[in-house]
Amino acid sequence: MKKIPKWFWGLLAPLGVIIVLLIISIVNTPSSPATSWDYVFHAPRDKDCDKFLRTSGDAGWRVVYARRVQSKGGGEMKYEFLLEKAK
């Protein structure tokens, strides 16, 4: 039977330590709970849009969806916003 060289053991020991540390870090990683969200729908007037978005953003809301709509009968154009915020 052939003798295993000493350099092999010198390489294998640190590699084993690294593998054990990786396994420990994977096992001990806490899983994050699912985030719950609040949703709000707003349709501010065009002249108030900038102020509305800044105020909402400062309060922690973010835009999920936006679209441009016109009132029935060809009336005023508005943006409709769907906003979300983590609970």
C-alpha atoms as a PDB file:
ATOM      1  CA  MET A   1       0.000   0.000   0.000  1.00  0.00           C
ATOM      2  CA  LYS A   2       1.261   3.456  -0.928  1.00  0.00           C
ATOM      3  CA  LYS A   3       1.887   6.049   1.773  1.00  0.00           C
ATOM      4  CA  ILE A   4      -0.108   9.315   1.517  1.00  0.00           C
ATOM      5  CA  PRO A   5       2.221  12.353   1.260  1.00  0.00           C
ATOM      6  CA  LYS A   6       2.303  14.859   4.148  1.00  0.00           C
ATOM      7  CA  TRP A   7       1.415  17.805   1.886  1.00  0.00           C
ATOM      8  CA  PHE A   8      -1.910  16.105   1.136  1.00  0.00           C
ATOM      9  CA  TRP A   9      -2.896  16.151   4.833  1.00  0.00           C
ATOM     10  CA  GLY A  10      -1.746  19.774   5.072  1.00  0.00           C
ATOM     11  CA  LEU A  11      -4.161  20.613   2.244  1.00  0.00           C
ATOM     12  CA  LEU A  12      -7.027  18.441   3.454  1.00  0.00           C
ATOM     13  CA  ALA A  13      -7.234  19.798   7.025  1.00  0.00           C
ATOM     14  CA  PRO A  14      -7.927  23.480   6.124  1.00  0.00           C
ATOM     15  CA  LEU A  15     -10.346  22.376   3.410  1.00  0.00           C
ATOM     16  CA  GLY A  16     -12.271  20.299   5.963  1.00  0.00           C
ATOM     17  CA  VAL A  17     -12.461  23.254   8.341  1.00  0.00           C
ATOM     18  CA  ILE A  18     -13.834  25.478   5.566  1.00  0.00           C
ATOM     19  CA  ILE A  19     -16.496  22.910   4.648  1.00  0.00           C
ATOM     20  CA  VAL A  20     -17.590  22.548   8.278  1.00  0.00           C
ATOM     21  CA  LEU A  21     -17.835  26.343   8.676  1.00  0.00           C
ATOM     22  CA  LEU A  22     -19.935  26.616   5.508  1.00  0.00           C
ATOM     23  CA  ILE A  23     -22.324  23.949   6.731  1.00  0.00           C
ATOM     24  CA  ILE A  24     -22.672  25.664  10.118  1.00  0.00           C
ATOM     25  CA  SER A  25     -23.379  29.041   8.468  1.00  0.00           C
ATOM     26  CA  ILE A  26     -26.053  27.520   6.213  1.00  0.00           C
ATOM     27  CA  VAL A  27     -27.769  25.688   9.069  1.00  0.00           C
ATOM     28  CA  ASN A  28     -27.717  28.730  11.386  1.00  0.00           C
ATOM     29  CA  THR A  29     -29.049  31.232   8.828  1.00  0.00           C
ATOM     30  CA  PRO A  30     -32.455  32.426  10.074  1.00  0.00           C
ATOM     31  CA  SER A  31     -35.231  32.378   7.525  1.00  0.00           C
ATOM     32  CA  SER A  32     -36.924  35.734   7.095  1.00  0.00           C
ATOM     33  CA  PRO A  33     -40.692  35.827   7.526  1.00  0.00           C
ATOM     34  CA  ALA A  34     -42.815  36.808   4.555  1.00  0.00           C
ATOM     35  CA  THR A  35     -43.450  40.556   4.350  1.00  0.00           C
ATOM     36  CA  SER A  36     -47.049  41.751   4.662  1.00  0.00           C
ATOM     37  CA  TRP A  37     -48.129  44.759   2.623  1.00  0.00           C
ATOM     38  CA  ASP A  38     -50.775  47.466   2.838  1.00  0.00           C
ATOM     39  CA  TYR A  39     -52.147  48.701  -0.489  1.00  0.00           C
ATOM     40  CA  VAL A  40     -53.802  52.028  -1.280  1.00  0.00           C
ATOM     41  CA  PHE A  41     -55.339  53.328  -4.503  1.00  0.00           C
ATOM     42  CA  HIS A  42     -55.267  57.092  -5.255  1.00  0.00           C
ATOM     43  CA  ALA A  43     -56.148  59.316  -8.204  1.00  0.00           C
ATOM     44  CA  PRO A  44     -54.926  62.853  -7.393  1.00  0.00           C
ATOM     45  CA  ARG A  45     -55.444  65.814  -9.728  1.00  0.00           C
ATOM     46  CA  ASP A  46     -52.564  66.492 -12.119  1.00  0.00           C
ATOM     47  CA  LYS A  47     -51.621  69.706 -10.322  1.00  0.00           C
ATOM     48  CA  ASP A  48     -51.346  67.781  -7.022  1.00  0.00           C
ATOM     49  CA  CYS A  49     -49.456  64.767  -8.427  1.00  0.00           C
ATOM     50  CA  ASP A  50     -45.929  65.888  -7.537  1.00  0.00           C
ATOM     51  CA  LYS A  51     -46.872  66.826  -3.976  1.00  0.00           C
ATOM     52  CA  PHE A  52     -48.857  63.610  -3.547  1.00  0.00           C
ATOM     53  CA  LEU A  53     -45.956  61.396  -4.703  1.00  0.00           C
ATOM     54  CA  ARG A  54     -43.423  63.182  -2.496  1.00  0.00           C
ATOM     55  CA  THR A  55     -45.659  63.026   0.563  1.00  0.00           C
ATOM     56  CA  SER A  56     -46.484  59.361  -0.037  1.00  0.00           C
ATOM     57  CA  GLY A  57     -42.814  58.473  -0.558  1.00  0.00           C
ATOM     58  CA  ASP A  58     -41.809  60.297   2.622  1.00  0.00           C
ATOM     59  CA  ALA A  59     -44.435  58.241   4.487  1.00  0.00           C
ATOM     60  CA  GLY A  60     -42.920  54.985   3.199  1.00  0.00           C
ATOM     61  CA  TRP A  61     -45.302  54.254   0.324  1.00  0.00           C
ATOM     62  CA  ARG A  62     -44.044  53.216  -3.115  1.00  0.00           C
ATOM     63  CA  VAL A  63     -45.798  53.138  -6.483  1.00  0.00           C
ATOM     64  CA  VAL A  64     -46.613  49.636  -7.694  1.00  0.00           C
ATOM     65  CA  TYR A  65     -48.716  50.613 -10.699  1.00  0.00           C
ATOM     66  CA  ALA A  66     -49.734  53.822 -12.434  1.00  0.00           C
ATOM     67  CA  ARG A  67     -51.901  54.616 -15.420  1.00  0.00           C
ATOM     68  CA  ARG A  68     -53.349  57.647 -17.153  1.00  0.00           C
ATOM     69  CA  VAL A  69     -57.142  57.776 -17.298  1.00  0.00           C
ATOM     70  CA  GLN A  70     -59.801  60.147 -18.504  1.00  0.00           C
ATOM     71  CA  SER A  71     -63.074  60.810 -16.720  1.00  0.00           C
ATOM     72  CA  LYS A  72     -66.279  59.592 -18.312  1.00  0.00           C
ATOM     73  CA  GLY A  73     -67.558  61.788 -21.097  1.00  0.00           C
ATOM     74  CA  GLY A  74     -64.069  63.022 -22.073  1.00  0.00           C
ATOM     75  CA  GLY A  75     -63.513  64.995 -18.920  1.00  0.00           C
ATOM     76  CA  GLU A  76     -60.384  65.646 -16.898  1.00  0.00           C
ATOM     77  CA  MET A  77     -57.254  63.470 -17.328  1.00  0.00           C
ATOM     78  CA  LYS A  78     -55.760  61.956 -14.161  1.00  0.00           C
ATOM     79  CA  TYR A  79     -53.139  59.491 -13.032  1.00  0.00           C
ATOM     80  CA  GLU A  80     -54.290  56.541 -10.957  1.00  0.00           C
ATOM     81  CA  PHE A  81     -51.704  55.106  -8.561  1.00  0.00           C
ATOM     82  CA  LEU A  82     -51.590  51.834  -6.682  1.00  0.00           C
ATOM     83  CA  LEU A  83     -49.223  52.199  -3.720  1.00  0.00           C
ATOM     84  CA  GLU A  84     -47.804  49.644  -1.301  1.00  0.00           C
ATOM     85  CA  LYS A  85     -46.159  49.878   2.099  1.00  0.00           C
ATOM     86  CA  ALA A  86     -44.728  47.163   4.313  1.00  0.00           C
ATOM     87  CA  LYS A  87     -46.817  46.625   7.439  1.00  0.00           C
END
